[in-house]
Amino acid sequence: MTEGGEAILMEDVHKRYGEKRALAGLDLAVRRGTVHGLLGPNGAGKTTAVRVLATLLRYDGGLVRVAGHDVREEAARVRRRIGLLGQHAALDEALSGRQNLEMFGRLFHLGARGARARADELLERFGLAGTGRTPAARYSGGMRRRLDLAASLLTEPEVLFLDEPTTGLDPRGRGEVWESVRSLVDGGTTVLLTTQYLEEADRLADRISVVDGGRVVAEGTPGELKTRAGRDRIDVVVRDADRLDEAVRVLPFAPGETAVDRDRRLVSAPVRDRMAALAETVRALEAAGIEAEDVALRRPTLDEAFLRLTGADARRGEEAAA
């Protein structure tokens, strides 16, 4: 393992496809035994970074180390220590779950007996023991991804790369995969997760790196990134739409920071002291005799942080003005 406890280390990594810069000085450090999320808009460089780390793509410059080994100089050693789950299942649907795992085990040189034993262990671990003889074509989406995840763990990798592992799954299927990923990390596996589901990163990741334009533009825990999106807000929904303007006048919100949605009868504003602002809001409404349908404190969401950090809000505003 690398010094400082990093299972993954990228320093000033560059990669070009012709004139296009896919990675433009990417820096990334992932501590062992954690889930690290890699977020970014389409084309930001997420998949390129994973392909570089997994030794599938040569990079132009910089330092890349995985599980303590240089990706360029020790590619074979890196490959023995990693697992990769791509965006699309790599299963033979005509084969059963057990046969798929045994086939991959033989490809990984585990031998017939070793492949059978490992298949049994993984089917049990991922709650698929009762379906081992069922053709993969009859698996649900969540079951297929769990089987695919099991196949990526045949060699007991130290580091696992998950590239948008739940794309196309329904909420139940995503939940099944999330539970499996968490159990892996509890067992000591390091996971690098790329995803377009911000809820997934919020639920799974210990830390998140936001990538845009081939470089990391922000990093922190999900909570830290949400804080960077702005202050907490109070949302007030008045019962009588005719009293909306009056509510705006009497509520203890700064006029320049207050947002009004007339269709939803909503007044919203950022606040610094959550509980004090909530108490003042309720008192002001009661004093004015304005009935509220709902009064809620709301923290910034990861979606809002993502839009702000990647500049998507600004780009959207430019498009609307064009």
C-alpha atoms as a PDB file:
ATOM      1  CA  MET A   1       0.000   0.000   0.000  1.00  0.00           C
ATOM      2  CA  THR A   2       1.210   3.524  -0.679  1.00  0.00           C
ATOM      3  CA  GLU A   3       2.721   5.763   1.939  1.00  0.00           C
ATOM      4  CA  GLY A   4       0.176   7.839   3.790  1.00  0.00           C
ATOM      5  CA  GLY A   5      -2.478   5.139   3.457  1.00  0.00           C
ATOM      6  CA  GLU A   6      -3.555   5.901  -0.110  1.00  0.00           C
ATOM      7  CA  ALA A   7      -4.834   2.975  -2.123  1.00  0.00           C
ATOM      8  CA  ILE A   8      -5.049   5.230  -5.200  1.00  0.00           C
ATOM      9  CA  LEU A   9      -2.824   8.173  -6.047  1.00  0.00           C
ATOM     10  CA  MET A  10      -2.906  10.356  -9.166  1.00  0.00           C
ATOM     11  CA  GLU A  11      -0.724  13.459  -9.425  1.00  0.00           C
ATOM     12  CA  ASP A  12      -0.894  15.927 -12.319  1.00  0.00           C
ATOM     13  CA  VAL A  13      -2.174  13.277 -14.741  1.00  0.00           C
ATOM     14  CA  HIS A  14      -2.706  14.272 -18.385  1.00  0.00           C
ATOM     15  CA  LYS A  15      -4.376  12.444 -21.258  1.00  0.00           C
ATOM     16  CA  ARG A  16      -5.216  13.716 -24.742  1.00  0.00           C
ATOM     17  CA  TYR A  17      -7.315  12.251 -27.522  1.00  0.00           C
ATOM     18  CA  GLY A  18      -5.930  14.175 -30.472  1.00  0.00           C
ATOM     19  CA  GLU A  19      -6.694  17.823 -29.729  1.00  0.00           C
ATOM     20  CA  LYS A  20      -9.116  17.014 -26.925  1.00  0.00           C
ATOM     21  CA  ARG A  21      -7.815  17.062 -23.340  1.00  0.00           C
ATOM     22  CA  ALA A  22      -9.565  14.303 -21.401  1.00  0.00           C
ATOM     23  CA  LEU A  23      -7.402  14.731 -18.283  1.00  0.00           C
ATOM     24  CA  ALA A  24      -5.781  18.095 -17.636  1.00  0.00           C
ATOM     25  CA  GLY A  25      -3.674  17.703 -14.512  1.00  0.00           C
ATOM     26  CA  LEU A  26      -5.947  15.423 -12.486  1.00  0.00           C
ATOM     27  CA  ASP A  27      -5.011  14.969  -8.825  1.00  0.00           C
ATOM     28  CA  LEU A  28      -6.686  12.263  -6.777  1.00  0.00           C
ATOM     29  CA  ALA A  29      -5.896  10.513  -3.494  1.00  0.00           C
ATOM     30  CA  VAL A  30      -8.103   7.730  -2.138  1.00  0.00           C
ATOM     31  CA  ARG A  31      -7.477   6.289   1.305  1.00  0.00           C
ATOM     32  CA  ARG A  32      -7.681   2.538   1.735  1.00  0.00           C
ATOM     33  CA  GLY A  33     -10.861   1.001   3.095  1.00  0.00           C
ATOM     34  CA  THR A  34     -13.120   3.835   1.892  1.00  0.00           C
ATOM     35  CA  VAL A  35     -15.611   4.578  -0.857  1.00  0.00           C
ATOM     36  CA  HIS A  36     -14.470   7.569  -2.901  1.00  0.00           C
ATOM     37  CA  GLY A  37     -16.950   9.083  -5.323  1.00  0.00           C
ATOM     38  CA  LEU A  38     -15.914  10.606  -8.637  1.00  0.00           C
ATOM     39  CA  LEU A  39     -18.602  12.971  -9.910  1.00  0.00           C
ATOM     40  CA  GLY A  40     -18.745  15.164 -12.977  1.00  0.00           C
ATOM     41  CA  PRO A  41     -20.801  15.987 -16.051  1.00  0.00           C
ATOM     42  CA  ASN A  42     -20.585  13.845 -19.178  1.00  0.00           C
ATOM     43  CA  GLY A  43     -17.158  14.234 -20.779  1.00  0.00           C
ATOM     44  CA  ALA A  44     -15.539  15.474 -17.562  1.00  0.00           C
ATOM     45  CA  GLY A  45     -12.911  12.687 -17.580  1.00  0.00           C
ATOM     46  CA  LYS A  46     -14.336  10.233 -15.040  1.00  0.00           C
ATOM     47  CA  THR A  47     -14.266   7.111 -17.210  1.00  0.00           C
ATOM     48  CA  THR A  48     -10.883   8.069 -18.663  1.00  0.00           C
ATOM     49  CA  ALA A  49      -9.478   8.280 -15.123  1.00  0.00           C
ATOM     50  CA  VAL A  50     -10.845   4.818 -14.277  1.00  0.00           C
ATOM     51  CA  ARG A  51      -9.430   3.312 -17.479  1.00  0.00           C
ATOM     52  CA  VAL A  52      -6.006   4.801 -16.676  1.00  0.00           C
ATOM     53  CA  LEU A  53      -6.114   3.430 -13.117  1.00  0.00           C
ATOM     54  CA  ALA A  54      -7.193  -0.007 -14.344  1.00  0.00           C
ATOM     55  CA  THR A  55      -4.211  -0.139 -16.785  1.00  0.00           C
ATOM     56  CA  LEU A  56      -6.580  -0.145 -19.776  1.00  0.00           C
ATOM     57  CA  LEU A  57      -5.394   3.201 -21.141  1.00  0.00           C
ATOM     58  CA  ARG A  58      -1.955   4.784 -21.345  1.00  0.00           C
ATOM     59  CA  TYR A  59      -1.692   8.328 -20.054  1.00  0.00           C
ATOM     60  CA  ASP A  60       0.530  11.109 -21.354  1.00  0.00           C
ATOM     61  CA  GLY A  61       2.079  12.406 -18.158  1.00  0.00           C
ATOM     62  CA  GLY A  62       1.934  12.472 -14.376  1.00  0.00           C
ATOM     63  CA  LEU A  63       2.137   9.877 -11.599  1.00  0.00           C
ATOM     64  CA  VAL A  64      -0.387   7.066 -11.118  1.00  0.00           C
ATOM     65  CA  ARG A  65      -0.133   4.477  -8.335  1.00  0.00           C
ATOM     66  CA  VAL A  66      -2.637   1.816  -7.324  1.00  0.00           C
ATOM     67  CA  ALA A  67      -2.203  -0.444  -4.262  1.00  0.00           C
ATOM     68  CA  GLY A  68       1.358   0.834  -3.926  1.00  0.00           C
ATOM     69  CA  HIS A  69       2.427   0.071  -7.515  1.00  0.00           C
ATOM     70  CA  ASP A  70       3.188   2.353 -10.428  1.00  0.00           C
ATOM     71  CA  VAL A  71       0.541   1.808 -13.101  1.00  0.00           C
ATOM     72  CA  ARG A  72       2.939   2.394 -15.986  1.00  0.00           C
ATOM     73  CA  GLU A  73       5.940   0.448 -14.687  1.00  0.00           C
ATOM     74  CA  GLU A  74       4.159  -2.341 -12.769  1.00  0.00           C
ATOM     75  CA  ALA A  75       0.939  -2.857 -14.711  1.00  0.00           C
ATOM     76  CA  ALA A  76       0.849  -6.630 -14.154  1.00  0.00           C
ATOM     77  CA  ARG A  77       1.128  -6.218 -10.374  1.00  0.00           C
ATOM     78  CA  VAL A  78      -1.625  -3.589 -10.416  1.00  0.00           C
ATOM     79  CA  ARG A  79      -3.951  -5.870 -12.397  1.00  0.00           C
ATOM     80  CA  ARG A  80      -3.530  -8.620  -9.793  1.00  0.00           C
ATOM     81  CA  ARG A  81      -4.778  -6.260  -7.089  1.00  0.00           C
ATOM     82  CA  ILE A  82      -7.794  -4.630  -8.738  1.00  0.00           C
ATOM     83  CA  GLY A  83     -11.331  -5.443  -9.830  1.00  0.00           C
ATOM     84  CA  LEU A  84     -13.410  -3.534 -12.361  1.00  0.00           C
ATOM     85  CA  LEU A  85     -17.160  -3.336 -12.805  1.00  0.00           C
ATOM     86  CA  GLY A  86     -18.027  -1.383 -15.945  1.00  0.00           C
ATOM     87  CA  GLN A  87     -21.253   0.264 -17.021  1.00  0.00           C
ATOM     88  CA  HIS A  88     -22.550  -2.848 -18.775  1.00  0.00           C
ATOM     89  CA  ALA A  89     -22.872  -6.390 -17.459  1.00  0.00           C
ATOM     90  CA  ALA A  90     -20.234  -8.812 -18.786  1.00  0.00           C
ATOM     91  CA  LEU A  91     -22.244 -11.991 -18.252  1.00  0.00           C
ATOM     92  CA  ASP A  92     -23.097 -14.918 -20.515  1.00  0.00           C
ATOM     93  CA  GLU A  93     -26.875 -14.957 -20.120  1.00  0.00           C
ATOM     94  CA  ALA A  94     -27.169 -18.550 -21.355  1.00  0.00           C
ATOM     95  CA  LEU A  95     -25.075 -19.735 -18.404  1.00  0.00           C
ATOM     96  CA  SER A  96     -26.228 -19.962 -14.811  1.00  0.00           C
ATOM     97  CA  GLY A  97     -24.871 -17.651 -12.139  1.00  0.00           C
ATOM     98  CA  ARG A  98     -22.582 -20.399 -10.862  1.00  0.00           C
ATOM     99  CA  GLN A  99     -21.345 -21.249 -14.360  1.00  0.00           C
ATOM    100  CA  ASN A 100     -20.550 -17.606 -15.049  1.00  0.00           C
ATOM    101  CA  LEU A 101     -18.465 -17.320 -11.905  1.00  0.00           C
ATOM    102  CA  GLU A 102     -16.692 -20.613 -12.512  1.00  0.00           C
ATOM    103  CA  MET A 103     -15.896 -19.579 -16.090  1.00  0.00           C
ATOM    104  CA  PHE A 104     -14.399 -16.265 -14.942  1.00  0.00           C
ATOM    105  CA  GLY A 105     -12.534 -18.072 -12.174  1.00  0.00           C
ATOM    106  CA  ARG A 106     -10.899 -20.389 -14.695  1.00  0.00           C
ATOM    107  CA  LEU A 107      -9.951 -17.355 -16.826  1.00  0.00           C
ATOM    108  CA  PHE A 108      -8.279 -15.902 -13.737  1.00  0.00           C
ATOM    109  CA  HIS A 109      -6.285 -19.159 -13.376  1.00  0.00           C
ATOM    110  CA  LEU A 110      -7.970 -20.226 -10.145  1.00  0.00           C
ATOM    111  CA  GLY A 111      -8.207 -23.829 -11.363  1.00  0.00           C
ATOM    112  CA  ALA A 112     -11.403 -25.903 -11.493  1.00  0.00           C
ATOM    113  CA  ARG A 113     -11.560 -26.627  -7.760  1.00  0.00           C
ATOM    114  CA  GLY A 114     -10.606 -23.092  -6.762  1.00  0.00           C
ATOM    115  CA  ALA A 115     -13.124 -21.579  -9.172  1.00  0.00           C
ATOM    116  CA  ARG A 116     -15.944 -23.760  -7.797  1.00  0.00           C
ATOM    117  CA  ALA A 117     -15.096 -22.902  -4.192  1.00  0.00           C
ATOM    118  CA  ARG A 118     -14.865 -19.188  -4.935  1.00  0.00           C
ATOM    119  CA  ALA A 119     -18.144 -19.270  -6.874  1.00  0.00           C
ATOM    120  CA  ASP A 120     -19.916 -20.905  -3.926  1.00  0.00           C
ATOM    121  CA  GLU A 121     -18.478 -18.315  -1.532  1.00  0.00           C
ATOM    122  CA  LEU A 122     -19.490 -15.337  -3.672  1.00  0.00           C
ATOM    123  CA  LEU A 123     -22.985 -16.620  -4.468  1.00  0.00           C
ATOM    124  CA  GLU A 124     -23.575 -16.938  -0.732  1.00  0.00           C
ATOM    125  CA  ARG A 125     -22.029 -13.552   0.025  1.00  0.00           C
ATOM    126  CA  PHE A 126     -24.235 -11.713  -2.461  1.00  0.00           C
ATOM    127  CA  GLY A 127     -27.460 -13.479  -1.578  1.00  0.00           C
ATOM    128  CA  LEU A 128     -27.534 -15.501  -4.800  1.00  0.00           C
ATOM    129  CA  ALA A 129     -26.926 -19.004  -3.422  1.00  0.00           C
ATOM    130  CA  GLY A 130     -30.485 -20.086  -4.187  1.00  0.00           C
ATOM    131  CA  THR A 131     -30.217 -18.913  -7.804  1.00  0.00           C
ATOM    132  CA  GLY A 132     -26.840 -20.407  -8.698  1.00  0.00           C
ATOM    133  CA  ARG A 133     -28.349 -22.821 -11.246  1.00  0.00           C
ATOM    134  CA  THR A 134     -30.715 -20.242 -12.770  1.00  0.00           C
ATOM    135  CA  PRO A 135     -29.693 -18.846 -16.202  1.00  0.00           C
ATOM    136  CA  ALA A 136     -28.492 -15.256 -15.892  1.00  0.00           C
ATOM    137  CA  ALA A 137     -31.094 -14.267 -18.515  1.00  0.00           C
ATOM    138  CA  ARG A 138     -33.773 -14.858 -15.865  1.00  0.00           C
ATOM    139  CA  TYR A 139     -32.106 -12.671 -13.222  1.00  0.00           C
ATOM    140  CA  SER A 140     -33.587  -9.298 -12.308  1.00  0.00           C
ATOM    141  CA  GLY A 141     -31.501  -6.194 -13.053  1.00  0.00           C
ATOM    142  CA  GLY A 142     -30.314  -5.961  -9.461  1.00  0.00           C
ATOM    143  CA  MET A 143     -29.405  -9.643  -9.363  1.00  0.00           C
ATOM    144  CA  ARG A 144     -27.398  -9.341 -12.593  1.00  0.00           C
ATOM    145  CA  ARG A 145     -25.398  -6.425 -11.215  1.00  0.00           C
ATOM    146  CA  ARG A 146     -24.760  -8.289  -7.981  1.00  0.00           C
ATOM    147  CA  LEU A 147     -23.545 -11.285 -10.006  1.00  0.00           C
ATOM    148  CA  ASP A 148     -21.373  -8.954 -12.097  1.00  0.00           C
ATOM    149  CA  LEU A 149     -20.021  -7.469  -8.864  1.00  0.00           C
ATOM    150  CA  ALA A 150     -19.295 -10.956  -7.562  1.00  0.00           C
ATOM    151  CA  ALA A 151     -17.359 -11.741 -10.775  1.00  0.00           C
ATOM    152  CA  SER A 152     -15.211  -8.629 -10.266  1.00  0.00           C
ATOM    153  CA  LEU A 153     -14.245  -9.952  -6.808  1.00  0.00           C
ATOM    154  CA  LEU A 154     -13.087 -13.432  -7.820  1.00  0.00           C
ATOM    155  CA  THR A 155      -9.442 -12.531  -7.218  1.00  0.00           C
ATOM    156  CA  GLU A 156     -10.181 -10.727  -3.902  1.00  0.00           C
ATOM    157  CA  PRO A 157      -8.954  -7.319  -5.138  1.00  0.00           C
ATOM    158  CA  GLU A 158      -7.624  -4.669  -2.793  1.00  0.00           C
ATOM    159  CA  VAL A 159      -9.105  -1.945  -4.970  1.00  0.00           C
ATOM    160  CA  LEU A 160     -12.407  -2.092  -6.854  1.00  0.00           C
ATOM    161  CA  PHE A 161     -13.406   0.338  -9.611  1.00  0.00           C
ATOM    162  CA  LEU A 162     -17.150   0.790 -10.097  1.00  0.00           C
ATOM    163  CA  ASP A 163     -17.955   2.782 -13.232  1.00  0.00           C
ATOM    164  CA  GLU A 164     -21.628   3.787 -13.003  1.00  0.00           C
ATOM    165  CA  PRO A 165     -22.580   0.406 -11.503  1.00  0.00           C
ATOM    166  CA  THR A 166     -26.335   1.013 -11.152  1.00  0.00           C
ATOM    167  CA  THR A 167     -27.130   2.680 -14.485  1.00  0.00           C
ATOM    168  CA  GLY A 168     -30.538   1.525 -15.681  1.00  0.00           C
ATOM    169  CA  LEU A 169     -31.540  -0.172 -12.425  1.00  0.00           C
ATOM    170  CA  ASP A 170     -34.773   0.575 -10.598  1.00  0.00           C
ATOM    171  CA  PRO A 171     -34.600   1.883  -6.983  1.00  0.00           C
ATOM    172  CA  ARG A 172     -34.792  -1.625  -5.536  1.00  0.00           C
ATOM    173  CA  GLY A 173     -31.946  -2.851  -7.741  1.00  0.00           C
ATOM    174  CA  ARG A 174     -29.806   0.163  -6.822  1.00  0.00           C
ATOM    175  CA  GLY A 175     -30.455  -0.507  -3.144  1.00  0.00           C
ATOM    176  CA  GLU A 176     -29.294  -4.114  -3.541  1.00  0.00           C
ATOM    177  CA  VAL A 177     -26.033  -3.011  -5.169  1.00  0.00           C
ATOM    178  CA  TRP A 178     -25.483  -0.281  -2.548  1.00  0.00           C
ATOM    179  CA  GLU A 179     -25.833  -2.824   0.253  1.00  0.00           C
ATOM    180  CA  SER A 180     -23.311  -5.100  -1.447  1.00  0.00           C
ATOM    181  CA  VAL A 181     -20.794  -2.278  -1.934  1.00  0.00           C
ATOM    182  CA  ARG A 182     -21.010  -1.254   1.711  1.00  0.00           C
ATOM    183  CA  SER A 183     -20.373  -4.836   2.833  1.00  0.00           C
ATOM    184  CA  LEU A 184     -17.233  -4.915   0.660  1.00  0.00           C
ATOM    185  CA  VAL A 185     -15.838  -1.775   2.266  1.00  0.00           C
ATOM    186  CA  ASP A 186     -16.625  -3.127   5.722  1.00  0.00           C
ATOM    187  CA  GLY A 187     -14.374  -6.031   4.737  1.00  0.00           C
ATOM    188  CA  GLY A 188     -11.486  -3.702   3.831  1.00  0.00           C
ATOM    189  CA  THR A 189     -11.902  -3.227   0.065  1.00  0.00           C
ATOM    190  CA  THR A 190     -11.232   0.246  -1.326  1.00  0.00           C
ATOM    191  CA  VAL A 191     -13.862   1.420  -3.835  1.00  0.00           C
ATOM    192  CA  LEU A 192     -13.620   4.169  -6.436  1.00  0.00           C
ATOM    193  CA  LEU A 193     -17.140   4.930  -7.629  1.00  0.00           C
ATOM    194  CA  THR A 194     -18.138   6.975 -10.653  1.00  0.00           C
ATOM    195  CA  THR A 195     -21.822   7.705 -10.913  1.00  0.00           C
ATOM    196  CA  GLN A 196     -24.383  10.091 -12.343  1.00  0.00           C
ATOM    197  CA  TYR A 197     -26.796   9.361  -9.489  1.00  0.00           C
ATOM    198  CA  LEU A 198     -25.989  12.013  -6.902  1.00  0.00           C
ATOM    199  CA  GLU A 199     -28.084  10.176  -4.312  1.00  0.00           C
ATOM    200  CA  GLU A 200     -25.795   7.181  -4.836  1.00  0.00           C
ATOM    201  CA  ALA A 201     -22.677   9.216  -4.080  1.00  0.00           C
ATOM    202  CA  ASP A 202     -24.397  10.826  -1.099  1.00  0.00           C
ATOM    203  CA  ARG A 203     -25.358   7.436   0.338  1.00  0.00           C
ATOM    204  CA  LEU A 204     -22.142   5.522  -0.370  1.00  0.00           C
ATOM    205  CA  ALA A 205     -19.129   7.827  -0.574  1.00  0.00           C
ATOM    206  CA  ASP A 206     -16.946   8.766   2.381  1.00  0.00           C
ATOM    207  CA  ARG A 207     -15.387  11.491   0.222  1.00  0.00           C
ATOM    208  CA  ILE A 208     -16.198  12.882  -3.217  1.00  0.00           C
ATOM    209  CA  SER A 209     -14.023  14.474  -5.894  1.00  0.00           C
ATOM    210  CA  VAL A 210     -15.912  16.638  -8.380  1.00  0.00           C
ATOM    211  CA  VAL A 211     -14.294  16.537 -11.823  1.00  0.00           C
ATOM    212  CA  ASP A 212     -14.847  19.072 -14.581  1.00  0.00           C
ATOM    213  CA  GLY A 213     -12.714  19.690 -17.643  1.00  0.00           C
ATOM    214  CA  GLY A 214     -10.350  16.845 -16.786  1.00  0.00           C
ATOM    215  CA  ARG A 215      -9.345  18.115 -13.345  1.00  0.00           C
ATOM    216  CA  VAL A 216     -10.680  18.022  -9.794  1.00  0.00           C
ATOM    217  CA  VAL A 217     -12.530  21.266  -9.037  1.00  0.00           C
ATOM    218  CA  ALA A 218     -13.667  20.381  -5.514  1.00  0.00           C
ATOM    219  CA  GLU A 219     -13.261  17.620  -2.946  1.00  0.00           C
ATOM    220  CA  GLY A 220     -14.700  16.805   0.449  1.00  0.00           C
ATOM    221  CA  THR A 221     -17.266  14.776   2.315  1.00  0.00           C
ATOM    222  CA  PRO A 222     -20.824  14.943   0.970  1.00  0.00           C
ATOM    223  CA  GLY A 223     -21.686  17.267   3.855  1.00  0.00           C
ATOM    224  CA  GLU A 224     -18.764  19.593   3.126  1.00  0.00           C
ATOM    225  CA  LEU A 225     -19.695  19.841  -0.554  1.00  0.00           C
ATOM    226  CA  LYS A 226     -23.313  20.605   0.318  1.00  0.00           C
ATOM    227  CA  THR A 227     -22.149  23.416   2.583  1.00  0.00           C
ATOM    228  CA  ARG A 228     -20.240  24.938  -0.332  1.00  0.00           C
ATOM    229  CA  ALA A 229     -23.511  25.141  -2.270  1.00  0.00           C
ATOM    230  CA  GLY A 230     -24.790  27.769   0.145  1.00  0.00           C
ATOM    231  CA  ARG A 231     -26.443  28.265   3.517  1.00  0.00           C
ATOM    232  CA  ASP A 232     -29.408  26.411   4.925  1.00  0.00           C
ATOM    233  CA  ARG A 233     -32.787  27.715   3.741  1.00  0.00           C
ATOM    234  CA  ILE A 234     -36.245  28.205   5.212  1.00  0.00           C
ATOM    235  CA  ASP A 235     -39.153  27.465   2.901  1.00  0.00           C
ATOM    236  CA  VAL A 236     -42.586  28.866   3.769  1.00  0.00           C
ATOM    237  CA  VAL A 237     -45.718  27.836   1.867  1.00  0.00           C
ATOM    238  CA  VAL A 238     -48.648  30.163   2.646  1.00  0.00           C
ATOM    239  CA  ARG A 239     -52.194  28.805   2.485  1.00  0.00           C
ATOM    240  CA  ASP A 240     -53.700  31.911   0.881  1.00  0.00           C
ATOM    241  CA  ALA A 241     -51.962  32.946  -2.359  1.00  0.00           C
ATOM    242  CA  ASP A 242     -53.365  36.485  -1.967  1.00  0.00           C
ATOM    243  CA  ARG A 243     -51.231  36.983   1.150  1.00  0.00           C
ATOM    244  CA  LEU A 244     -47.964  35.913  -0.456  1.00  0.00           C
ATOM    245  CA  ASP A 245     -46.662  39.481  -0.915  1.00  0.00           C
ATOM    246  CA  GLU A 246     -47.583  40.326   2.668  1.00  0.00           C
ATOM    247  CA  ALA A 247     -45.662  37.279   3.873  1.00  0.00           C
ATOM    248  CA  VAL A 248     -42.599  38.475   1.968  1.00  0.00           C
ATOM    249  CA  ARG A 249     -42.816  41.832   3.775  1.00  0.00           C
ATOM    250  CA  VAL A 250     -43.233  40.508   7.321  1.00  0.00           C
ATOM    251  CA  LEU A 251     -40.866  37.536   7.251  1.00  0.00           C
ATOM    252  CA  PRO A 252     -37.372  38.154   8.729  1.00  0.00           C
ATOM    253  CA  PHE A 253     -35.587  37.515   5.423  1.00  0.00           C
ATOM    254  CA  ALA A 254     -33.140  39.814   3.635  1.00  0.00           C
ATOM    255  CA  PRO A 255     -35.040  41.205   0.594  1.00  0.00           C
ATOM    256  CA  GLY A 256     -32.180  40.637  -1.835  1.00  0.00           C
ATOM    257  CA  GLU A 257     -31.916  36.958  -0.859  1.00  0.00           C
ATOM    258  CA  THR A 258     -35.611  36.052  -0.841  1.00  0.00           C
ATOM    259  CA  ALA A 259     -36.968  33.853  -3.618  1.00  0.00           C
ATOM    260  CA  VAL A 260     -40.689  33.734  -4.416  1.00  0.00           C
ATOM    261  CA  ASP A 261     -42.486  30.990  -6.358  1.00  0.00           C
ATOM    262  CA  ARG A 262     -46.063  32.211  -6.910  1.00  0.00           C
ATOM    263  CA  ASP A 263     -47.285  28.971  -8.465  1.00  0.00           C
ATOM    264  CA  ARG A 264     -46.292  27.055  -5.333  1.00  0.00           C
ATOM    265  CA  ARG A 265     -47.155  29.915  -2.918  1.00  0.00           C
ATOM    266  CA  LEU A 266     -43.575  29.588  -1.676  1.00  0.00           C
ATOM    267  CA  VAL A 267     -41.233  32.081  -0.021  1.00  0.00           C
ATOM    268  CA  SER A 268     -37.665  30.832   0.439  1.00  0.00           C
ATOM    269  CA  ALA A 269     -34.490  32.426   1.827  1.00  0.00           C
ATOM    270  CA  PRO A 270     -31.041  31.423   3.146  1.00  0.00           C
ATOM    271  CA  VAL A 271     -30.456  31.596   6.912  1.00  0.00           C
ATOM    272  CA  ARG A 272     -27.425  31.442   9.186  1.00  0.00           C
ATOM    273  CA  ASP A 273     -28.872  30.301  12.518  1.00  0.00           C
ATOM    274  CA  ARG A 274     -31.339  27.551  11.654  1.00  0.00           C
ATOM    275  CA  MET A 275     -33.341  27.327  14.861  1.00  0.00           C
ATOM    276  CA  ALA A 276     -33.384  31.053  15.641  1.00  0.00           C
ATOM    277  CA  ALA A 277     -34.546  31.825  12.104  1.00  0.00           C
ATOM    278  CA  LEU A 278     -37.263  29.175  12.341  1.00  0.00           C
ATOM    279  CA  ALA A 279     -38.589  30.623  15.608  1.00  0.00           C
ATOM    280  CA  GLU A 280     -38.565  34.178  14.207  1.00  0.00           C
ATOM    281  CA  THR A 281     -40.387  33.012  11.077  1.00  0.00           C
ATOM    282  CA  VAL A 282     -43.170  31.311  13.038  1.00  0.00           C
ATOM    283  CA  ARG A 283     -43.580  34.361  15.320  1.00  0.00           C
ATOM    284  CA  ALA A 284     -43.758  36.753  12.347  1.00  0.00           C
ATOM    285  CA  LEU A 285     -46.427  34.668  10.623  1.00  0.00           C
ATOM    286  CA  GLU A 286     -48.497  34.398  13.791  1.00  0.00           C
ATOM    287  CA  ALA A 287     -48.236  38.140  14.498  1.00  0.00           C
ATOM    288  CA  ALA A 288     -49.464  38.960  10.990  1.00  0.00           C
ATOM    289  CA  GLY A 289     -52.203  36.344  11.114  1.00  0.00           C
ATOM    290  CA  ILE A 290     -50.851  34.585   8.020  1.00  0.00           C
ATOM    291  CA  GLU A 291     -51.610  30.874   7.940  1.00  0.00           C
ATOM    292  CA  ALA A 292     -48.780  28.690   6.682  1.00  0.00           C
ATOM    293  CA  GLU A 293     -49.398  25.388   4.973  1.00  0.00           C
ATOM    294  CA  ASP A 294     -45.794  24.359   5.573  1.00  0.00           C
ATOM    295  CA  VAL A 295     -42.651  25.775   7.174  1.00  0.00           C
ATOM    296  CA  ALA A 296     -39.485  23.754   6.599  1.00  0.00           C
ATOM    297  CA  LEU A 297     -35.756  24.016   7.189  1.00  0.00           C
ATOM    298  CA  ARG A 298     -33.791  22.641   4.255  1.00  0.00           C
ATOM    299  CA  ARG A 299     -30.094  21.951   3.839  1.00  0.00           C
ATOM    300  CA  PRO A 300     -28.472  22.343   0.392  1.00  0.00           C
ATOM    301  CA  THR A 301     -28.599  19.145  -1.631  1.00  0.00           C
ATOM    302  CA  LEU A 302     -25.700  17.407  -3.358  1.00  0.00           C
ATOM    303  CA  ASP A 303     -27.471  18.210  -6.639  1.00  0.00           C
ATOM    304  CA  GLU A 304     -27.196  21.929  -5.878  1.00  0.00           C
ATOM    305  CA  ALA A 305     -23.551  21.551  -4.886  1.00  0.00           C
ATOM    306  CA  PHE A 306     -22.811  19.644  -8.087  1.00  0.00           C
ATOM    307  CA  LEU A 307     -24.427  22.291 -10.293  1.00  0.00           C
ATOM    308  CA  ARG A 308     -22.568  25.092  -8.563  1.00  0.00           C
ATOM    309  CA  LEU A 309     -19.184  23.386  -8.467  1.00  0.00           C
ATOM    310  CA  THR A 310     -19.194  22.287 -12.108  1.00  0.00           C
ATOM    311  CA  GLY A 311     -20.422  25.630 -13.360  1.00  0.00           C
ATOM    312  CA  ALA A 312     -23.610  24.067 -14.735  1.00  0.00           C
ATOM    313  CA  ASP A 313     -25.735  26.841 -13.203  1.00  0.00           C
ATOM    314  CA  ALA A 314     -23.742  29.471 -15.024  1.00  0.00           C
ATOM    315  CA  ARG A 315     -23.875  27.562 -18.323  1.00  0.00           C
ATOM    316  CA  ARG A 316     -27.621  27.163 -17.975  1.00  0.00           C
ATOM    317  CA  GLY A 317     -28.010  30.895 -17.421  1.00  0.00           C
ATOM    318  CA  GLU A 318     -25.954  31.666 -20.519  1.00  0.00           C
ATOM    319  CA  GLU A 319     -28.096  29.314 -22.613  1.00  0.00           C
ATOM    320  CA  ALA A 320     -31.301  30.917 -21.344  1.00  0.00           C
ATOM    321  CA  ALA A 321     -30.008  34.384 -22.182  1.00  0.00           C
ATOM    322  CA  ALA A 322     -28.910  33.390 -25.714  1.00  0.00           C
END
